[in-house]
Every structure is written in structure tokens, then in C-alpha cells.
Amino acid sequence: MLDYVKVDQDSDPYSIAHTIALNALVARAKSKGEILAHLKKRGIDHEVAQATIFRLQEAGLINDAEFAKAWTQSRHNAKKISKRIIASELRTRGVDQNSIDEALDEIDDESEYRTAFSLGMRKYSTMSRLESDVQIRRIQSLLQRKGFSFSVISRVIRELGVQSDEQQ
């Protein structure tokens, strides 16, 4: 793990920006957009920030494609969220669309369905005493908050065997 580096205010602006960027990368990997925003927030000139980012990319410390892949796997496996939400988070972090598409291609539709189904099953198992309409509504709400599409949600509910009171 990297250690924090002291900023020498008497140094040239490029050195200061480089040090600030390195300190930002200590906690976790960041996208090019996140580093640019961080440098701007710290008062670094845009040209200096761009040069610093270029230098960090050349050193292999910033790589949006790798960041997008790692973020996608982490969020999909740990937080159980859909590709749509992950794409939105990556866009917010300033990752380019090609890197986002490449990272999301690693999650196939069946994997996304399995994630939604496991979430739905876990929720369903806690609601045995509730009416089926309430069960359906709560499962739908959970999966919608996680960003899953209507078709995936419908398939999960159908395969869980939950039927509304009207359908019975």
C-alpha cells in the first residue's frame, strides 16, 4: 500500500499536483475523471492536472478500463446491483463509455438473472406469513432499487412461484 506523501508548497505546480494525485490514490483506485475532479477541487490548474493525469497513466497508476472492470465485479458481486446501476456509477466517476461497455460485457444476462433470483429468494424466505400481494410488491421493490429490468423481475417472481391473490 502506498504511503501519504507530503506536499511541498514551494515546489512547482506539477510536483504539487502529482503529490496530491498520489495521495488520492492511496485509499483506492480512482478513475481519470475522479482524479481530475479531485485536483480541480484542490485548486490545481486544468493544464497541470491534465499533464499529471497523463503522467500517472504512463506510469500505470490510472487505467480507466481496469478500474471499470474492478468496479463492475465488486459492485455486482458484493452489492448485487444490476448492470444499469453500475454503468450509471461509472459514468458519474468519469469513465468513458467504451471502458464501461467492455467491463459490463463480462456480466452476462444469465449471471445478472442469477443475482436477482438469489436476492428475490432471500427476501421471499423472510416473508412466509405475509399475503402474496405484499410478497410480490416487496420483492419487486427490492429488485427495482437494485436496478433490475422489469423482464428480470417478472421472471424471478414467476420462478419463485409467488402468485398474486387475483391469480389464485
C-alpha atoms as a PDB file:
ATOM      1  CA  MET A   1       0.000   0.000   0.000  1.00  0.00           C
ATOM      2  CA  LEU A   2       1.191   3.489  -0.777  1.00  0.00           C
ATOM      3  CA  ASP A   3       2.021   5.919   1.990  1.00  0.00           C
ATOM      4  CA  TYR A   4       0.836   9.501   2.008  1.00  0.00           C
ATOM      5  CA  VAL A   5       3.317  11.954   0.534  1.00  0.00           C
ATOM      6  CA  LYS A   6       3.832  15.418   1.998  1.00  0.00           C
ATOM      7  CA  VAL A   7       3.039  18.339  -0.267  1.00  0.00           C
ATOM      8  CA  ASP A   8       5.878  20.836  -0.501  1.00  0.00           C
ATOM      9  CA  GLN A   9       4.137  24.147  -1.201  1.00  0.00           C
ATOM     10  CA  ASP A  10       7.370  25.664  -2.535  1.00  0.00           C
ATOM     11  CA  SER A  11       7.623  23.069  -5.308  1.00  0.00           C
ATOM     12  CA  ASP A  12       6.495  23.612  -8.852  1.00  0.00           C
ATOM     13  CA  PRO A  13       2.757  23.136  -9.551  1.00  0.00           C
ATOM     14  CA  TYR A  14       3.357  19.885 -11.443  1.00  0.00           C
ATOM     15  CA  SER A  15       5.061  18.336  -8.441  1.00  0.00           C
ATOM     16  CA  ILE A  16       2.286  19.518  -6.122  1.00  0.00           C
ATOM     17  CA  ALA A  17      -0.407  18.103  -8.430  1.00  0.00           C
ATOM     18  CA  HIS A  18       1.447  14.804  -8.727  1.00  0.00           C
ATOM     19  CA  THR A  19       1.721  14.512  -4.947  1.00  0.00           C
ATOM     20  CA  ILE A  20      -1.981  15.342  -4.453  1.00  0.00           C
ATOM     21  CA  ALA A  21      -2.951  12.752  -7.063  1.00  0.00           C
ATOM     22  CA  LEU A  22      -0.741  10.076  -5.491  1.00  0.00           C
ATOM     23  CA  ASN A  23      -2.281  10.771  -2.083  1.00  0.00           C
ATOM     24  CA  ALA A  24      -5.758  10.429  -3.612  1.00  0.00           C
ATOM     25  CA  LEU A  25      -4.808   7.023  -4.991  1.00  0.00           C
ATOM     26  CA  VAL A  26      -3.687   5.685  -1.609  1.00  0.00           C
ATOM     27  CA  ALA A  27      -7.176   4.747  -0.362  1.00  0.00           C
ATOM     28  CA  ARG A  28      -8.452   3.061  -3.542  1.00  0.00           C
ATOM     29  CA  ALA A  29      -8.044   3.075  -7.291  1.00  0.00           C
ATOM     30  CA  LYS A  30      -9.717   6.019  -8.971  1.00  0.00           C
ATOM     31  CA  SER A  31     -10.770   6.855 -12.496  1.00  0.00           C
ATOM     32  CA  LYS A  32      -9.247   9.593 -14.578  1.00  0.00           C
ATOM     33  CA  GLY A  33     -12.374  11.699 -14.026  1.00  0.00           C
ATOM     34  CA  GLU A  34     -12.219  11.301 -10.248  1.00  0.00           C
ATOM     35  CA  ILE A  35      -8.565  12.368 -10.136  1.00  0.00           C
ATOM     36  CA  LEU A  36      -9.271  15.342 -12.405  1.00  0.00           C
ATOM     37  CA  ALA A  37     -12.163  16.455 -10.169  1.00  0.00           C
ATOM     38  CA  HIS A  38     -10.013  15.984  -7.056  1.00  0.00           C
ATOM     39  CA  LEU A  39      -7.179  18.075  -8.489  1.00  0.00           C
ATOM     40  CA  LYS A  40      -9.623  20.783  -9.578  1.00  0.00           C
ATOM     41  CA  LYS A  41     -11.167  20.829  -6.096  1.00  0.00           C
ATOM     42  CA  ARG A  42      -7.686  21.293  -4.628  1.00  0.00           C
ATOM     43  CA  GLY A  43      -7.107  24.347  -6.841  1.00  0.00           C
ATOM     44  CA  ILE A  44      -4.809  22.828  -9.461  1.00  0.00           C
ATOM     45  CA  ASP A  45      -4.824  24.459 -12.909  1.00  0.00           C
ATOM     46  CA  HIS A  46      -6.532  22.397 -15.637  1.00  0.00           C
ATOM     47  CA  GLU A  47      -3.409  22.104 -17.817  1.00  0.00           C
ATOM     48  CA  VAL A  48      -1.300  20.985 -14.864  1.00  0.00           C
ATOM     49  CA  ALA A  49      -3.995  18.459 -13.874  1.00  0.00           C
ATOM     50  CA  GLN A  50      -4.139  17.040 -17.415  1.00  0.00           C
ATOM     51  CA  ALA A  51      -0.357  16.692 -17.532  1.00  0.00           C
ATOM     52  CA  THR A  52      -0.368  14.980 -14.130  1.00  0.00           C
ATOM     53  CA  ILE A  53      -3.056  12.532 -15.237  1.00  0.00           C
ATOM     54  CA  PHE A  54      -1.102  11.758 -18.398  1.00  0.00           C
ATOM     55  CA  ARG A  55       1.995  11.094 -16.293  1.00  0.00           C
ATOM     56  CA  LEU A  56       0.051   8.777 -13.951  1.00  0.00           C
ATOM     57  CA  GLN A  57      -1.448   6.901 -16.908  1.00  0.00           C
ATOM     58  CA  GLU A  58       2.014   6.420 -18.391  1.00  0.00           C
ATOM     59  CA  ALA A  59       3.164   5.015 -15.034  1.00  0.00           C
ATOM     60  CA  GLY A  60       0.166   2.659 -14.985  1.00  0.00           C
ATOM     61  CA  LEU A  61      -1.360   4.167 -11.850  1.00  0.00           C
ATOM     62  CA  ILE A  62      -4.545   5.276 -13.616  1.00  0.00           C
ATOM     63  CA  ASN A  63      -6.280   2.934 -16.056  1.00  0.00           C
ATOM     64  CA  ASP A  64      -9.995   3.526 -16.637  1.00  0.00           C
ATOM     65  CA  ALA A  65     -10.548   0.154 -18.325  1.00  0.00           C
ATOM     66  CA  GLU A  66      -9.102  -1.781 -15.385  1.00  0.00           C
ATOM     67  CA  PHE A  67     -10.894   0.482 -12.916  1.00  0.00           C
ATOM     68  CA  ALA A  68     -14.231  -0.142 -14.676  1.00  0.00           C
ATOM     69  CA  LYS A  69     -13.700  -3.921 -14.661  1.00  0.00           C
ATOM     70  CA  ALA A  70     -12.762  -3.984 -10.980  1.00  0.00           C
ATOM     71  CA  TRP A  71     -15.640  -1.677 -10.034  1.00  0.00           C
ATOM     72  CA  THR A  72     -18.107  -3.765 -12.041  1.00  0.00           C
ATOM     73  CA  GLN A  73     -17.064  -7.054 -10.468  1.00  0.00           C
ATOM     74  CA  SER A  74     -17.012  -5.580  -6.982  1.00  0.00           C
ATOM     75  CA  ARG A  75     -20.425  -3.921  -7.211  1.00  0.00           C
ATOM     76  CA  HIS A  76     -22.081  -6.870  -8.951  1.00  0.00           C
ATOM     77  CA  ASN A  77     -20.718  -9.485  -6.553  1.00  0.00           C
ATOM     78  CA  ALA A  78     -20.801  -7.564  -3.267  1.00  0.00           C
ATOM     79  CA  LYS A  79     -23.720  -5.162  -3.613  1.00  0.00           C
ATOM     80  CA  LYS A  80     -25.762  -7.323  -6.017  1.00  0.00           C
ATOM     81  CA  ILE A  81     -26.700  -4.423  -8.269  1.00  0.00           C
ATOM     82  CA  SER A  82     -27.619  -4.504 -11.937  1.00  0.00           C
ATOM     83  CA  LYS A  83     -25.525  -3.555 -14.927  1.00  0.00           C
ATOM     84  CA  ARG A  84     -27.651  -0.433 -15.446  1.00  0.00           C
ATOM     85  CA  ILE A  85     -26.829   0.961 -11.993  1.00  0.00           C
ATOM     86  CA  ILE A  86     -23.155   0.038 -12.346  1.00  0.00           C
ATOM     87  CA  ALA A  87     -22.978   1.859 -15.690  1.00  0.00           C
ATOM     88  CA  SER A  88     -24.519   4.935 -14.097  1.00  0.00           C
ATOM     89  CA  GLU A  89     -21.997   4.847 -11.240  1.00  0.00           C
ATOM     90  CA  LEU A  90     -19.098   4.538 -13.681  1.00  0.00           C
ATOM     91  CA  ARG A  91     -20.390   7.459 -15.780  1.00  0.00           C
ATOM     92  CA  THR A  92     -20.614   9.532 -12.588  1.00  0.00           C
ATOM     93  CA  ARG A  93     -16.961   8.708 -11.910  1.00  0.00           C
ATOM     94  CA  GLY A  94     -15.929   9.972 -15.339  1.00  0.00           C
ATOM     95  CA  VAL A  95     -15.186   6.644 -17.026  1.00  0.00           C
ATOM     96  CA  ASP A  96     -15.545   6.681 -20.817  1.00  0.00           C
ATOM     97  CA  GLN A  97     -18.367   4.703 -22.439  1.00  0.00           C
ATOM     98  CA  ASN A  98     -16.057   2.222 -24.214  1.00  0.00           C
ATOM     99  CA  SER A  99     -14.480   1.166 -20.916  1.00  0.00           C
ATOM    100  CA  ILE A 100     -17.936   0.870 -19.339  1.00  0.00           C
ATOM    101  CA  ASP A 101     -19.240  -1.292 -22.186  1.00  0.00           C
ATOM    102  CA  GLU A 102     -16.170  -3.511 -22.071  1.00  0.00           C
ATOM    103  CA  ALA A 103     -16.483  -4.012 -18.316  1.00  0.00           C
ATOM    104  CA  LEU A 104     -20.224  -4.721 -18.448  1.00  0.00           C
ATOM    105  CA  ASP A 105     -19.751  -7.291 -21.212  1.00  0.00           C
ATOM    106  CA  GLU A 106     -18.156  -9.537 -18.586  1.00  0.00           C
ATOM    107  CA  ILE A 107     -21.543  -9.836 -16.831  1.00  0.00           C
ATOM    108  CA  ASP A 108     -23.865 -11.911 -18.981  1.00  0.00           C
ATOM    109  CA  ASP A 109     -27.661 -11.798 -18.737  1.00  0.00           C
ATOM    110  CA  GLU A 110     -27.846 -15.160 -17.008  1.00  0.00           C
ATOM    111  CA  SER A 111     -25.419 -14.029 -14.311  1.00  0.00           C
ATOM    112  CA  GLU A 112     -27.494 -10.915 -13.754  1.00  0.00           C
ATOM    113  CA  TYR A 113     -30.635 -13.059 -13.514  1.00  0.00           C
ATOM    114  CA  ARG A 114     -28.975 -15.411 -11.000  1.00  0.00           C
ATOM    115  CA  THR A 115     -28.049 -12.412  -8.870  1.00  0.00           C
ATOM    116  CA  ALA A 116     -31.619 -11.091  -8.989  1.00  0.00           C
ATOM    117  CA  PHE A 117     -33.028 -14.536  -8.232  1.00  0.00           C
ATOM    118  CA  SER A 118     -30.793 -15.027  -5.184  1.00  0.00           C
ATOM    119  CA  LEU A 119     -31.841 -11.610  -3.871  1.00  0.00           C
ATOM    120  CA  GLY A 120     -35.503 -12.404  -4.509  1.00  0.00           C
ATOM    121  CA  MET A 121     -35.204 -15.814  -2.874  1.00  0.00           C
ATOM    122  CA  ARG A 122     -33.533 -14.364   0.198  1.00  0.00           C
ATOM    123  CA  LYS A 123     -36.282 -11.742   0.513  1.00  0.00           C
ATOM    124  CA  TYR A 124     -39.038 -14.302  -0.139  1.00  0.00           C
ATOM    125  CA  SER A 125     -37.772 -16.620   2.582  1.00  0.00           C
ATOM    126  CA  THR A 126     -38.285 -13.906   5.203  1.00  0.00           C
ATOM    127  CA  MET A 127     -41.925 -13.211   4.281  1.00  0.00           C
ATOM    128  CA  SER A 128     -43.725 -16.555   4.628  1.00  0.00           C
ATOM    129  CA  ARG A 129     -46.525 -15.160   6.786  1.00  0.00           C
ATOM    130  CA  LEU A 130     -47.377 -12.231   4.526  1.00  0.00           C
ATOM    131  CA  GLU A 131     -50.022 -12.198   1.828  1.00  0.00           C
ATOM    132  CA  SER A 132     -48.759 -12.975  -1.645  1.00  0.00           C
ATOM    133  CA  ASP A 133     -49.527  -9.465  -2.969  1.00  0.00           C
ATOM    134  CA  VAL A 134     -47.332  -7.998  -0.240  1.00  0.00           C
ATOM    135  CA  GLN A 135     -44.599 -10.532  -1.015  1.00  0.00           C
ATOM    136  CA  ILE A 136     -44.668  -9.642  -4.709  1.00  0.00           C
ATOM    137  CA  ARG A 137     -44.637  -5.911  -4.009  1.00  0.00           C
ATOM    138  CA  ARG A 138     -41.667  -6.189  -1.643  1.00  0.00           C
ATOM    139  CA  ILE A 139     -39.637  -8.406  -3.971  1.00  0.00           C
ATOM    140  CA  GLN A 140     -40.366  -6.068  -6.893  1.00  0.00           C
ATOM    141  CA  SER A 141     -39.359  -3.043  -4.830  1.00  0.00           C
ATOM    142  CA  LEU A 142     -36.092  -4.637  -3.765  1.00  0.00           C
ATOM    143  CA  LEU A 143     -35.153  -5.653  -7.296  1.00  0.00           C
ATOM    144  CA  GLN A 144     -36.174  -2.277  -8.731  1.00  0.00           C
ATOM    145  CA  ARG A 145     -33.973  -0.475  -6.199  1.00  0.00           C
ATOM    146  CA  LYS A 146     -31.104  -2.685  -7.306  1.00  0.00           C
ATOM    147  CA  GLY A 147     -31.768  -1.616 -10.907  1.00  0.00           C
ATOM    148  CA  PHE A 148     -33.034  -4.838 -12.473  1.00  0.00           C
ATOM    149  CA  SER A 149     -35.287  -4.661 -15.518  1.00  0.00           C
ATOM    150  CA  PHE A 150     -38.980  -5.498 -15.477  1.00  0.00           C
ATOM    151  CA  SER A 151     -38.398  -8.659 -17.507  1.00  0.00           C
ATOM    152  CA  VAL A 152     -35.839  -9.954 -14.988  1.00  0.00           C
ATOM    153  CA  ILE A 153     -38.117  -9.071 -12.062  1.00  0.00           C
ATOM    154  CA  SER A 154     -41.082 -10.808 -13.708  1.00  0.00           C
ATOM    155  CA  ARG A 155     -39.013 -13.928 -14.357  1.00  0.00           C
ATOM    156  CA  VAL A 156     -37.782 -14.018 -10.746  1.00  0.00           C
ATOM    157  CA  ILE A 157     -41.299 -13.720  -9.336  1.00  0.00           C
ATOM    158  CA  ARG A 158     -42.605 -16.347 -11.757  1.00  0.00           C
ATOM    159  CA  GLU A 159     -39.837 -18.798 -10.852  1.00  0.00           C
ATOM    160  CA  LEU A 160     -40.227 -18.179  -7.130  1.00  0.00           C
ATOM    161  CA  GLY A 161     -43.801 -19.357  -7.561  1.00  0.00           C
ATOM    162  CA  VAL A 162     -45.349 -16.305  -5.946  1.00  0.00           C
ATOM    163  CA  GLN A 163     -48.811 -15.602  -7.327  1.00  0.00           C
ATOM    164  CA  SER A 164     -50.970 -12.632  -6.501  1.00  0.00           C
ATOM    165  CA  ASP A 165     -54.288 -13.227  -4.783  1.00  0.00           C
ATOM    166  CA  GLU A 166     -56.050 -12.327  -8.054  1.00  0.00           C
ATOM    167  CA  GLN A 167     -54.229 -15.101  -9.969  1.00  0.00           C
ATOM    168  CA  GLN A 168     -55.024 -17.843  -7.453  1.00  0.00           C
END
